[in-house]
Each structure stands twice: as structure tokens, then as C-alpha cells.
Amino acid sequence: MKITIAVDGSTSSKHAVGVLAHLTPPEELVLVHALNLPDFNYAMISPDLRAEVRTDMESKLRKEGEGILTQAKEEFPADFPEVQEIHQIGHPVEVILETARSSKSHLIILGARGLGSFKEVVLGSTSHRVLMHSPCSAMIIKKPVSRLKKVLLAIEGEEDTDKALQFLSLQPFREAVAVDVFAVWPQPQLAWPMTLEQSKLLEMHAIEEAQDRMKSVTDKLVRMNYTAEAKVGMGDPAFAILEQAKASQADLVLMGTHGRGGLARFLMGSVSHSVLHQADCPVLIVR
């Protein structure tokens, strides 16, 4: 597996580095830090002064960035391969995405600074924008990760299930991991009156059908040497996933983007976006 990890010296990026202790040593690891220089194109500043200020600012930021990269490398597990460093001028989002593309990474890891959903939609954030445009899977870390032994795999359709299985086939976790495969069955909305007994019977049949569909997923995971169990929820998908993550004491929620993209996801939100904002544990979005 190839990993790109972004650092900026913040507490959340240190948490992102910390999660490497729970991952299998990758085939290739790229450590990236972006030098985001301010815009000096003001009419009151002469070209000569502008160039002088920019050079001075770049020198200071580059020195600071080198310290951030050095500190991050000191926290890497001892058995990780030699790291490739990217220390580049540019907007962090663009630098991270281009690094992941050029290195053909399977996973981007970065910290989130905990902006609320409204603030993030209005202002944007590095983690949110990287997640929206990432060419590969992305793991968002908000808190320290003390262990990674239980994964909640939330699935919706065949496409996101296949992508999740492809990612798990890379054996990304250092220790044995138990996977709860979780599907949410929407609450039936029927046009005719039903008795309580009939409603419960319909719900039971829906759960049994969902469990049958998930058996092929758990069987594949077992063949990959995971411990796997199928679970079914009812009702609102995001709420059900968050509740199941708590009930399972999940160390990681792994899920797809559930079909929404671009402007629709940015304006309306999506299941994955809601879970990302509200989950207590890290969230890994597979692509």
C-alpha cells in the first residue's frame, strides 16, 4: 500500500501521524507539507519590495516547515520505509492532491481541525476539500487513536462494497481487526394501513434479507483473515451508522461516499459527510 500523509504542525496533524503506528508498513510513504505564501500583490508595494518580502517570508516558512517534517518523521514507527518528503509552495489542498496523484497513493491521511458543519461549508477546510476531490481513499483523524482493532464497515450498494473490500484486501492494519459489516434498511413507508404485528413482520423479513445479502461480504472478509459479523440498522442511514459505531465501540468507520458528489454533496450533505462531522472515531472514505 502507498500512503500520503499531510502535516502542518497542528495538533490534529500530530494525531494523523500517530495513527501510522496502527497501520501495516506501507510500500511507499510520502510526507507532505505545503508552504502557503500570502498574496503580496498590493498596489502600494513596489515590485522590488514585494520580491524582498516574499523571499524573506518563504525562507522563514521553509525553515519552519523543515522543523515540522523532521518532528513528524521522528514519530514514525521504526519499521516504516524511508519516507519521501514533499515540501512545496502552494495551497495545501492542491499540493496534497497532486502529491497523492503523482505517487499513485492508495490512502491519504490528514487531521481535521474540528470546524463545525456550517462553518466548514461557508469557509471550507483542508480536510473537507481534500476529501471531496481525493483521487484515492482518505482517512480523517480528529482525535488521538489509541487502538485500531474494531472497524465498522458501513455499506450501501455493490459499488461502495467492492471498493471497501478492495481496500481491505491490501491488509492495511498492523494487528488483527474485527469488522462489523453494517447496512441500513430504510423504514418501510407503506400507502395502506397496517397492524403493529404486520409492521414488525415486515421489518423482520427486511432485516433477514439484508443479512442474507451481507453474507457474501462477511465470507469474503473471513477469507481475507478478518473476523467479520453482519449487522443491520433501520431508519436514517447517518444516524444509524453513528449509533452502531458507538454500540460496536468502533475504532474506525469505513464507508463509501454513497453516490453523491460535487455540488449536491457540498450543498446538501451526504451520509458520509454527516458521519465524518459527528463520529467520535476516525472516518475512512474509500474510493
Protein backbone atom coordinates (compact mmCIF):
# COMPACT_ATOMS: atom_id res chain seq x y z
CA MET A 1 0.00 0.00 0.00
CA LYS A 2 1.13 3.55 -0.76
CA ILE A 3 0.30 6.30 1.72
CA THR A 4 0.41 10.09 1.53
CA ILE A 5 0.27 11.84 4.90
CA ALA A 6 -0.08 15.60 5.24
CA VAL A 7 1.31 17.56 8.19
CA ASP A 8 1.16 21.23 9.16
CA GLY A 9 2.41 21.20 12.77
CA SER A 10 -1.12 21.35 14.23
CA THR A 11 -2.32 19.04 16.98
CA SER A 12 -4.65 17.27 14.55
CA SER A 13 -1.82 16.55 12.11
CA LYS A 14 0.18 15.05 15.00
CA HIS A 15 -2.79 12.77 15.68
CA ALA A 16 -2.70 11.81 11.99
CA VAL A 17 0.97 10.81 12.28
CA GLY A 18 0.10 8.82 15.40
CA VAL A 19 -2.32 6.58 13.50
CA LEU A 20 0.60 5.19 11.46
CA ALA A 21 1.51 3.04 14.48
CA HIS A 22 -1.65 1.01 13.78
CA LEU A 23 -1.05 0.51 10.05
CA THR A 24 0.97 -2.07 8.17
CA PRO A 25 4.31 -0.62 6.99
CA PRO A 26 3.48 0.73 3.53
CA GLU A 27 5.24 0.03 0.28
CA GLU A 28 5.81 3.76 -0.05
CA LEU A 29 5.21 6.68 2.32
CA VAL A 30 5.08 10.30 1.20
CA LEU A 31 5.18 13.06 3.81
CA VAL A 32 3.87 16.37 2.51
CA HIS A 33 3.92 19.92 3.85
CA ALA A 34 2.75 22.92 1.83
CA LEU A 35 4.18 26.43 2.05
CA ASN A 36 1.10 28.59 1.69
CA LEU A 37 2.56 32.05 0.96
CA PRO A 38 0.24 35.06 1.30
CA ASP A 39 -0.57 37.26 -1.69
CA PHE A 40 1.70 40.34 -1.84
CA ASN A 41 0.12 41.88 -4.94
CA TYR A 42 -0.84 45.22 -3.41
CA ALA A 43 -0.71 48.46 -5.36
CA MET A 44 1.13 50.23 -2.53
CA ILE A 45 4.00 47.72 -2.58
CA SER A 46 6.67 48.15 -5.24
CA PRO A 47 7.81 45.11 -7.23
CA ASP A 48 11.26 45.19 -5.59
CA LEU A 49 9.83 45.33 -2.07
CA ARG A 50 7.30 42.66 -2.96
CA ALA A 51 10.06 40.32 -4.11
CA GLU A 52 12.12 41.03 -0.99
CA VAL A 53 9.20 40.37 1.38
CA ARG A 54 8.24 37.21 -0.47
CA THR A 55 11.79 35.86 -0.35
CA ASP A 56 12.05 36.59 3.36
CA MET A 57 8.66 35.03 4.09
CA GLU A 58 9.45 31.93 2.04
CA SER A 59 12.76 31.46 3.87
CA LYS A 60 11.05 31.64 7.27
CA LEU A 61 8.19 29.33 6.28
CA ARG A 62 10.54 26.81 4.69
CA LYS A 63 12.65 26.66 7.85
CA GLU A 64 9.53 26.22 9.95
CA GLY A 65 8.26 23.53 7.57
CA GLU A 66 11.53 21.61 7.74
CA GLY A 67 11.11 21.50 11.51
CA ILE A 68 7.55 20.19 11.13
CA LEU A 69 8.70 17.47 8.73
CA THR A 70 11.59 16.45 10.98
CA GLN A 71 9.32 16.24 14.01
CA ALA A 72 6.79 14.13 12.11
CA LYS A 73 9.44 11.67 10.93
CA GLU A 74 10.64 11.19 14.49
CA GLU A 75 7.18 9.87 15.36
CA PHE A 76 7.07 7.28 12.56
CA PRO A 77 7.20 3.58 13.53
CA ALA A 78 10.72 2.20 13.38
CA ASP A 79 9.84 -0.43 10.76
CA PHE A 80 8.41 2.05 8.25
CA PRO A 81 10.30 2.53 4.97
CA GLU A 82 12.36 5.57 4.18
CA VAL A 83 9.98 8.44 3.61
CA GLN A 84 9.77 10.70 0.58
CA GLU A 85 9.38 14.34 1.58
CA ILE A 86 7.37 16.90 -0.41
CA HIS A 87 7.98 20.47 0.79
CA GLN A 88 6.34 22.65 -1.79
CA ILE A 89 4.96 26.16 -2.27
CA GLY A 90 1.23 26.15 -2.96
CA HIS A 91 -2.20 25.86 -1.49
CA PRO A 92 -2.29 22.86 0.91
CA VAL A 93 -5.26 21.23 -0.82
CA GLU A 94 -3.67 21.40 -4.26
CA VAL A 95 -0.28 20.21 -3.01
CA ILE A 96 -1.79 17.25 -1.12
CA LEU A 97 -3.99 16.14 -4.02
CA GLU A 98 -1.22 16.47 -6.61
CA THR A 99 1.15 14.53 -4.35
CA ALA A 100 -1.37 11.71 -3.96
CA ARG A 101 -1.97 11.60 -7.72
CA SER A 102 1.68 11.63 -8.72
CA SER A 103 2.64 8.98 -6.14
CA LYS A 104 -0.43 6.86 -7.03
CA SER A 105 -1.28 6.59 -3.35
CA HIS A 106 -3.94 4.23 -2.06
CA LEU A 107 -4.60 6.37 1.01
CA ILE A 108 -4.34 9.99 2.14
CA ILE A 109 -4.15 10.58 5.90
CA LEU A 110 -4.69 14.02 7.39
CA GLY A 111 -6.02 15.66 10.51
CA ALA A 112 -9.18 17.74 10.80
CA ARG A 113 -9.22 20.81 12.98
CA GLY A 114 -12.78 20.29 14.13
CA LEU A 115 -14.67 23.02 12.26
CA GLY A 116 -18.42 22.71 12.59
CA SER A 117 -20.51 21.74 9.59
CA PHE A 118 -21.93 25.23 8.90
CA LYS A 119 -18.57 26.94 9.29
CA GLU A 120 -16.94 24.35 7.06
CA VAL A 121 -19.50 24.77 4.28
CA VAL A 122 -19.09 28.55 4.30
CA LEU A 123 -15.32 28.77 4.72
CA GLY A 124 -14.09 25.39 3.57
CA SER A 125 -11.30 23.45 5.22
CA THR A 126 -8.32 21.48 4.01
CA SER A 127 -9.69 18.13 5.16
CA HIS A 128 -13.14 18.75 3.66
CA ARG A 129 -11.80 19.83 0.27
CA VAL A 130 -9.23 17.05 0.10
CA LEU A 131 -11.95 14.54 0.90
CA MET A 132 -14.24 15.91 -1.84
CA HIS A 133 -11.58 15.75 -4.56
CA SER A 134 -9.30 12.95 -3.41
CA PRO A 135 -8.19 10.54 -6.15
CA CYS A 136 -7.94 7.73 -3.58
CA SER A 137 -9.23 6.70 -0.18
CA ALA A 138 -8.84 9.26 2.60
CA MET A 139 -8.70 8.89 6.38
CA ILE A 140 -9.65 11.90 8.51
CA ILE A 141 -8.28 12.00 12.07
CA LYS A 142 -9.78 14.29 14.71
CA LYS A 143 -8.52 12.74 17.96
CA PRO A 144 -5.63 10.55 19.14
CA VAL A 145 -6.06 6.91 18.10
CA SER A 146 -5.07 4.60 20.94
CA ARG A 147 -6.01 1.36 19.16
CA LEU A 148 -7.36 0.09 15.86
CA LYS A 149 -8.93 -3.31 16.35
CA LYS A 150 -12.63 -2.82 15.54
CA VAL A 151 -13.85 -1.43 12.21
CA LEU A 152 -17.41 -0.57 11.33
CA LEU A 153 -17.81 -1.11 7.59
CA ALA A 154 -20.95 0.74 6.50
CA ILE A 155 -22.16 -0.42 3.08
CA GLU A 156 -24.97 0.73 0.82
CA GLY A 157 -24.61 -0.70 -2.65
CA GLU A 158 -22.45 -3.01 -4.72
CA GLU A 159 -20.04 -0.29 -5.86
CA ASP A 160 -19.02 1.03 -2.44
CA THR A 161 -18.89 -2.54 -1.08
CA ASP A 162 -16.45 -3.61 -3.82
CA LYS A 163 -14.24 -0.57 -3.17
CA ALA A 164 -14.19 -1.25 0.56
CA LEU A 165 -13.25 -4.90 0.00
CA GLN A 166 -10.50 -3.87 -2.42
CA PHE A 167 -9.06 -1.54 0.20
CA LEU A 168 -9.27 -4.14 2.97
CA SER A 169 -7.59 -6.68 0.69
CA LEU A 170 -4.46 -4.51 0.94
CA GLN A 171 -4.25 -5.64 4.59
CA PRO A 172 -3.76 -2.04 5.80
CA PHE A 173 -3.92 -2.73 9.54
CA ARG A 174 -0.99 -3.85 11.64
CA GLU A 175 -2.96 -6.02 14.07
CA ALA A 176 -5.88 -8.39 13.61
CA VAL A 177 -9.05 -6.41 13.04
CA ALA A 178 -12.69 -7.37 13.61
CA VAL A 179 -15.09 -5.92 11.04
CA ASP A 180 -18.77 -5.24 11.69
CA VAL A 181 -20.42 -5.10 8.27
CA PHE A 182 -23.34 -2.73 8.66
CA ALA A 183 -26.21 -1.99 6.30
CA VAL A 184 -29.15 0.32 6.95
CA TRP A 185 -32.58 -0.73 5.78
CA PRO A 186 -34.87 2.30 5.28
CA GLN A 187 -38.02 2.19 7.36
CA PRO A 188 -40.81 0.99 5.03
CA GLN A 189 -43.30 3.71 4.08
CA LEU A 190 -46.48 1.97 3.04
CA ALA A 191 -49.56 3.55 1.49
CA TRP A 192 -52.07 1.33 3.29
CA PRO A 193 -52.84 0.82 7.00
CA MET A 194 -51.01 -2.00 8.75
CA THR A 195 -51.29 -3.58 12.14
CA LEU A 196 -48.33 -3.44 14.54
CA GLU A 197 -47.83 -7.16 14.12
CA GLN A 198 -47.72 -6.87 10.32
CA SER A 199 -45.24 -3.99 10.57
CA LYS A 200 -42.94 -5.99 12.84
CA LEU A 201 -43.15 -8.98 10.50
CA LEU A 202 -42.21 -6.83 7.51
CA GLU A 203 -39.29 -5.35 9.45
CA MET A 204 -38.08 -8.82 10.43
CA HIS A 205 -38.20 -10.00 6.81
CA ALA A 206 -36.32 -6.88 5.67
CA ILE A 207 -33.57 -7.49 8.23
CA GLU A 208 -33.28 -11.16 7.24
CA GLU A 209 -32.99 -10.20 3.57
CA ALA A 210 -30.28 -7.63 4.34
CA GLN A 211 -28.34 -10.18 6.40
CA ASP A 212 -28.52 -12.68 3.54
CA ARG A 213 -27.14 -10.05 1.16
CA MET A 214 -24.29 -9.27 3.54
CA LYS A 215 -23.25 -12.90 3.98
CA SER A 216 -21.19 -12.80 0.79
CA VAL A 217 -19.37 -9.74 2.19
CA THR A 218 -18.57 -11.35 5.54
CA ASP A 219 -17.49 -14.55 3.77
CA LYS A 220 -15.02 -12.59 1.63
CA LEU A 221 -13.66 -10.81 4.71
CA VAL A 222 -13.17 -14.11 6.53
CA ARG A 223 -11.20 -15.40 3.54
CA MET A 224 -9.01 -12.28 3.94
CA ASN A 225 -8.38 -13.36 7.56
CA TYR A 226 -10.67 -10.78 9.13
CA THR A 227 -13.19 -11.59 11.83
CA ALA A 228 -16.48 -10.40 10.35
CA GLU A 229 -20.07 -10.10 11.54
CA ALA A 230 -23.13 -8.72 9.76
CA LYS A 231 -25.38 -6.17 11.45
CA VAL A 232 -28.46 -4.35 10.19
CA GLY A 233 -29.93 -0.98 11.19
CA MET A 234 -33.23 0.68 10.38
CA GLY A 235 -34.15 4.27 9.59
CA ASP A 236 -31.94 7.28 8.82
CA PRO A 237 -28.58 5.98 7.50
CA ALA A 238 -26.26 8.57 9.07
CA PHE A 239 -27.93 8.34 12.48
CA ALA A 240 -27.95 4.54 12.36
CA ILE A 241 -24.24 4.39 11.44
CA LEU A 242 -23.28 6.76 14.24
CA GLU A 243 -25.32 4.80 16.78
CA GLN A 244 -23.85 1.50 15.62
CA ALA A 245 -20.32 2.92 15.83
CA LYS A 246 -20.98 3.71 19.49
CA ALA A 247 -22.59 0.34 20.17
CA SER A 248 -19.74 -1.54 18.48
CA GLN A 249 -17.12 0.68 20.14
CA ALA A 250 -15.63 1.09 16.69
CA ASP A 251 -12.10 2.43 16.39
CA LEU A 252 -12.72 3.36 12.74
CA VAL A 253 -15.72 3.88 10.47
CA LEU A 254 -15.03 2.78 6.91
CA MET A 255 -17.51 3.73 4.21
CA GLY A 256 -18.01 4.96 0.66
CA THR A 257 -19.31 8.32 -0.50
CA HIS A 258 -22.74 6.76 -1.13
CA GLY A 259 -23.20 8.13 -4.59
CA ARG A 260 -23.45 11.87 -4.03
CA GLY A 261 -20.74 14.09 -5.40
CA GLY A 262 -19.81 17.59 -6.39
CA LEU A 263 -22.30 20.39 -5.78
CA ALA A 264 -25.04 18.12 -4.41
CA ARG A 265 -22.83 16.83 -1.63
CA PHE A 266 -21.36 20.27 -0.90
CA LEU A 267 -24.74 21.98 -0.52
CA MET A 268 -26.94 19.20 0.81
CA GLY A 269 -24.55 16.99 2.70
CA SER A 270 -24.41 13.21 2.38
CA VAL A 271 -24.37 10.21 4.67
CA SER A 272 -20.57 10.07 4.62
CA HIS A 273 -20.27 13.80 5.20
CA SER A 274 -22.66 13.68 8.17
CA VAL A 275 -20.84 10.73 9.70
CA LEU A 276 -17.49 12.44 9.21
CA HIS A 277 -18.65 15.51 11.13
CA GLN A 278 -20.25 13.66 14.02
CA ALA A 279 -18.28 10.44 14.54
CA ASP A 280 -16.04 10.29 17.61
CA CYS A 281 -13.58 7.95 15.87
CA PRO A 282 -11.61 8.39 12.63
CA VAL A 283 -13.53 8.01 9.36
CA LEU A 284 -12.03 6.41 6.26
CA ILE A 285 -13.77 7.14 2.96
CA VAL A 286 -12.92 4.56 0.31
CA ARG A 287 -12.59 5.30 -3.38
